[in-house]
Amino acid sequence: MLIYDDLPDYSHDMHLRGFSPEQILESFRRTNRKRTDERKKKKREESLFEKELARIVESLAKASIDAAVVNIFETIEM
């Protein structure tokens, strides 16, 4: 297997620019791997954001419910 360090990202016209089939395939694989890694990273970041947002909403809801319960019992005791 040959290693091509200076390959650009894959494009459909690489054969017109003089790249060999092996270079085109390697460039496609690298570009595809890079895109896959970026999608995974984005999905992981979105997941972390969603978890943090859910935690914040849950804590706010709990505080609101606790305040409402205290308010209800105060009105009942009056």
N, C-alpha and C. Protein backbone atom coordinates (compact mmCIF):
# COMPACT_ATOMS: atom_id res chain seq x y z
N MET A 1 0.84 -1.18 0.00
CA MET A 1 0.00 0.00 0.00
C MET A 1 0.88 1.24 0.00
N LEU A 2 0.58 2.15 -0.89
CA LEU A 2 1.33 3.39 -0.98
C LEU A 2 0.68 4.45 -0.11
N ILE A 3 1.50 5.31 0.44
CA ILE A 3 1.00 6.39 1.29
C ILE A 3 1.19 7.70 0.53
N TYR A 4 0.10 8.41 0.36
CA TYR A 4 0.12 9.70 -0.32
C TYR A 4 -0.20 10.78 0.70
N ASP A 5 0.84 11.52 1.09
CA ASP A 5 0.64 12.53 2.13
C ASP A 5 0.04 13.83 1.59
N ASP A 6 0.27 14.12 0.34
CA ASP A 6 -0.11 15.43 -0.19
C ASP A 6 -1.35 15.40 -1.08
N LEU A 7 -2.27 14.50 -0.81
CA LEU A 7 -3.49 14.40 -1.61
C LEU A 7 -4.51 15.45 -1.15
N PRO A 8 -5.18 16.10 -2.10
CA PRO A 8 -6.26 17.02 -1.73
C PRO A 8 -7.52 16.23 -1.38
N ASP A 9 -8.55 16.94 -0.91
CA ASP A 9 -9.84 16.30 -0.68
C ASP A 9 -10.38 15.78 -2.01
N TYR A 10 -11.19 14.75 -1.93
CA TYR A 10 -11.73 14.12 -3.12
C TYR A 10 -12.64 15.08 -3.88
N SER A 11 -12.53 15.03 -5.20
CA SER A 11 -13.47 15.74 -6.07
C SER A 11 -13.70 14.87 -7.30
N HIS A 12 -14.80 15.12 -7.98
CA HIS A 12 -15.18 14.27 -9.11
C HIS A 12 -14.27 14.44 -10.33
N ASP A 13 -13.48 15.48 -10.37
CA ASP A 13 -12.65 15.70 -11.54
C ASP A 13 -11.17 15.40 -11.30
N MET A 14 -10.88 14.59 -10.32
CA MET A 14 -9.47 14.30 -10.01
C MET A 14 -8.78 13.57 -11.15
N HIS A 15 -9.51 12.74 -11.87
CA HIS A 15 -8.89 12.02 -12.98
C HIS A 15 -8.48 12.98 -14.10
N LEU A 16 -9.18 14.09 -14.23
CA LEU A 16 -8.82 15.09 -15.23
C LEU A 16 -7.59 15.88 -14.83
N ARG A 17 -7.32 15.92 -13.55
CA ARG A 17 -6.14 16.65 -13.05
C ARG A 17 -4.91 15.77 -12.95
N GLY A 18 -5.02 14.53 -13.42
CA GLY A 18 -3.84 13.67 -13.52
C GLY A 18 -3.59 12.74 -12.35
N PHE A 19 -4.53 12.57 -11.46
CA PHE A 19 -4.34 11.65 -10.35
C PHE A 19 -4.60 10.21 -10.81
N SER A 20 -3.85 9.28 -10.23
CA SER A 20 -4.02 7.87 -10.58
C SER A 20 -5.26 7.32 -9.86
N PRO A 21 -5.78 6.18 -10.32
CA PRO A 21 -6.94 5.58 -9.64
C PRO A 21 -6.68 5.28 -8.16
N GLU A 22 -5.47 4.86 -7.83
CA GLU A 22 -5.13 4.59 -6.43
C GLU A 22 -5.16 5.86 -5.60
N GLN A 23 -4.64 6.94 -6.16
CA GLN A 23 -4.66 8.22 -5.44
C GLN A 23 -6.08 8.73 -5.26
N ILE A 24 -6.90 8.57 -6.28
CA ILE A 24 -8.29 9.01 -6.19
C ILE A 24 -9.03 8.21 -5.12
N LEU A 25 -8.81 6.90 -5.10
CA LEU A 25 -9.46 6.06 -4.09
C LEU A 25 -9.01 6.45 -2.69
N GLU A 26 -7.72 6.65 -2.52
CA GLU A 26 -7.20 7.04 -1.20
C GLU A 26 -7.77 8.40 -0.78
N SER A 27 -7.84 9.33 -1.72
CA SER A 27 -8.39 10.65 -1.43
C SER A 27 -9.86 10.53 -1.04
N PHE A 28 -10.61 9.69 -1.74
CA PHE A 28 -12.03 9.48 -1.41
C PHE A 28 -12.17 8.90 -0.01
N ARG A 29 -11.34 7.92 0.31
CA ARG A 29 -11.42 7.30 1.64
C ARG A 29 -11.11 8.30 2.74
N ARG A 30 -10.08 9.11 2.55
CA ARG A 30 -9.71 10.10 3.56
C ARG A 30 -10.81 11.14 3.73
N THR A 31 -11.34 11.61 2.61
CA THR A 31 -12.40 12.62 2.68
C THR A 31 -13.65 12.04 3.35
N ASN A 32 -13.99 10.82 3.00
CA ASN A 32 -15.16 10.17 3.59
C ASN A 32 -14.95 9.95 5.09
N ARG A 33 -13.77 9.54 5.48
CA ARG A 33 -13.45 9.34 6.90
C ARG A 33 -13.53 10.66 7.66
N LYS A 34 -13.02 11.73 7.05
CA LYS A 34 -13.06 13.04 7.68
C LYS A 34 -14.50 13.50 7.89
N ARG A 35 -15.35 13.31 6.88
CA ARG A 35 -16.76 13.69 6.99
C ARG A 35 -17.46 12.88 8.07
N THR A 36 -17.18 11.59 8.12
CA THR A 36 -17.78 10.71 9.13
C THR A 36 -17.37 11.15 10.53
N ASP A 37 -16.08 11.44 10.71
CA ASP A 37 -15.60 11.90 12.02
C ASP A 37 -16.25 13.22 12.42
N GLU A 38 -16.42 14.13 11.46
CA GLU A 38 -17.07 15.41 11.76
C GLU A 38 -18.53 15.21 12.16
N ARG A 39 -19.23 14.30 11.47
CA ARG A 39 -20.62 14.01 11.83
C ARG A 39 -20.72 13.41 13.22
N LYS A 40 -19.81 12.49 13.54
CA LYS A 40 -19.82 11.88 14.88
C LYS A 40 -19.55 12.92 15.95
N LYS A 41 -18.61 13.82 15.69
CA LYS A 41 -18.28 14.86 16.66
C LYS A 41 -19.47 15.78 16.87
N LYS A 42 -20.13 16.17 15.77
CA LYS A 42 -21.29 17.05 15.86
C LYS A 42 -22.42 16.37 16.63
N LYS A 43 -22.64 15.08 16.35
CA LYS A 43 -23.70 14.34 17.04
C LYS A 43 -23.39 14.24 18.53
N ARG A 44 -22.12 14.00 18.87
CA ARG A 44 -21.71 13.91 20.27
C ARG A 44 -21.93 15.24 20.98
N GLU A 45 -21.57 16.35 20.30
CA GLU A 45 -21.77 17.67 20.90
C GLU A 45 -23.25 17.97 21.08
N GLU A 46 -24.07 17.59 20.09
CA GLU A 46 -25.51 17.80 20.21
C GLU A 46 -26.07 16.98 21.37
N SER A 47 -25.59 15.77 21.53
CA SER A 47 -26.06 14.91 22.60
C SER A 47 -25.71 15.52 23.96
N LEU A 48 -24.49 16.04 24.09
CA LEU A 48 -24.09 16.67 25.35
C LEU A 48 -24.94 17.91 25.62
N PHE A 49 -25.21 18.68 24.58
CA PHE A 49 -26.05 19.87 24.74
C PHE A 49 -27.45 19.49 25.17
N GLU A 50 -28.01 18.45 24.54
CA GLU A 50 -29.36 18.01 24.89
C GLU A 50 -29.42 17.51 26.33
N LYS A 51 -28.41 16.79 26.77
CA LYS A 51 -28.39 16.30 28.15
C LYS A 51 -28.31 17.46 29.14
N GLU A 52 -27.47 18.45 28.85
CA GLU A 52 -27.33 19.60 29.73
C GLU A 52 -28.63 20.40 29.77
N LEU A 53 -29.25 20.57 28.60
CA LEU A 53 -30.51 21.30 28.54
C LEU A 53 -31.60 20.56 29.32
N ALA A 54 -31.67 19.25 29.19
CA ALA A 54 -32.65 18.46 29.92
C ALA A 54 -32.43 18.57 31.42
N ARG A 55 -31.17 18.58 31.85
CA ARG A 55 -30.86 18.72 33.27
C ARG A 55 -31.32 20.07 33.80
N ILE A 56 -31.09 21.13 33.02
CA ILE A 56 -31.51 22.47 33.43
C ILE A 56 -33.03 22.56 33.52
N VAL A 57 -33.71 22.05 32.50
CA VAL A 57 -35.18 22.08 32.50
C VAL A 57 -35.73 21.29 33.68
N GLU A 58 -35.14 20.14 33.94
CA GLU A 58 -35.60 19.31 35.06
C GLU A 58 -35.42 20.03 36.39
N SER A 59 -34.28 20.69 36.58
CA SER A 59 -34.05 21.38 37.85
C SER A 59 -35.00 22.57 37.99
N LEU A 60 -35.26 23.28 36.89
CA LEU A 60 -36.21 24.40 36.95
C LEU A 60 -37.63 23.90 37.23
N ALA A 61 -38.01 22.79 36.60
CA ALA A 61 -39.34 22.23 36.83
C ALA A 61 -39.49 21.78 38.28
N LYS A 62 -38.46 21.14 38.81
CA LYS A 62 -38.51 20.67 40.19
C LYS A 62 -38.66 21.85 41.15
N ALA A 63 -37.91 22.92 40.90
CA ALA A 63 -38.01 24.10 41.76
C ALA A 63 -39.40 24.72 41.67
N SER A 64 -39.96 24.78 40.49
CA SER A 64 -41.31 25.34 40.31
C SER A 64 -42.36 24.48 41.00
N ILE A 65 -42.24 23.18 40.87
CA ILE A 65 -43.19 22.27 41.51
C ILE A 65 -43.09 22.37 43.03
N ASP A 66 -41.87 22.41 43.55
CA ASP A 66 -41.69 22.54 44.99
C ASP A 66 -42.30 23.85 45.50
N ALA A 67 -42.11 24.94 44.77
CA ALA A 67 -42.69 26.22 45.17
C ALA A 67 -44.21 26.17 45.11
N ALA A 68 -44.76 25.52 44.10
CA ALA A 68 -46.22 25.40 43.97
C ALA A 68 -46.80 24.58 45.11
N VAL A 69 -46.12 23.50 45.50
CA VAL A 69 -46.60 22.65 46.60
C VAL A 69 -46.59 23.44 47.90
N VAL A 70 -45.53 24.18 48.13
CA VAL A 70 -45.47 25.00 49.35
C VAL A 70 -46.59 26.03 49.33
N ASN A 71 -46.83 26.64 48.19
CA ASN A 71 -47.90 27.64 48.06
C ASN A 71 -49.27 27.01 48.31
N ILE A 72 -49.50 25.82 47.81
CA ILE A 72 -50.79 25.14 48.00
C ILE A 72 -51.02 24.86 49.49
N PHE A 73 -49.98 24.34 50.17
CA PHE A 73 -50.15 24.02 51.59
C PHE A 73 -50.32 25.29 52.42
N GLU A 74 -49.71 26.38 52.03
CA GLU A 74 -49.90 27.64 52.75
C GLU A 74 -51.33 28.13 52.62
N THR A 75 -51.92 27.99 51.43
CA THR A 75 -53.30 28.43 51.25
C THR A 75 -54.28 27.52 51.97
N ILE A 76 -53.97 26.25 52.10
CA ILE A 76 -54.84 25.31 52.81
C ILE A 76 -54.82 25.61 54.31
N GLU A 77 -53.68 25.95 54.86
CA GLU A 77 -53.55 26.22 56.29
C GLU A 77 -54.23 27.53 56.69
N MET A 78 -54.46 28.42 55.79
CA MET A 78 -55.08 29.70 56.11
C MET A 78 -56.50 29.48 56.40
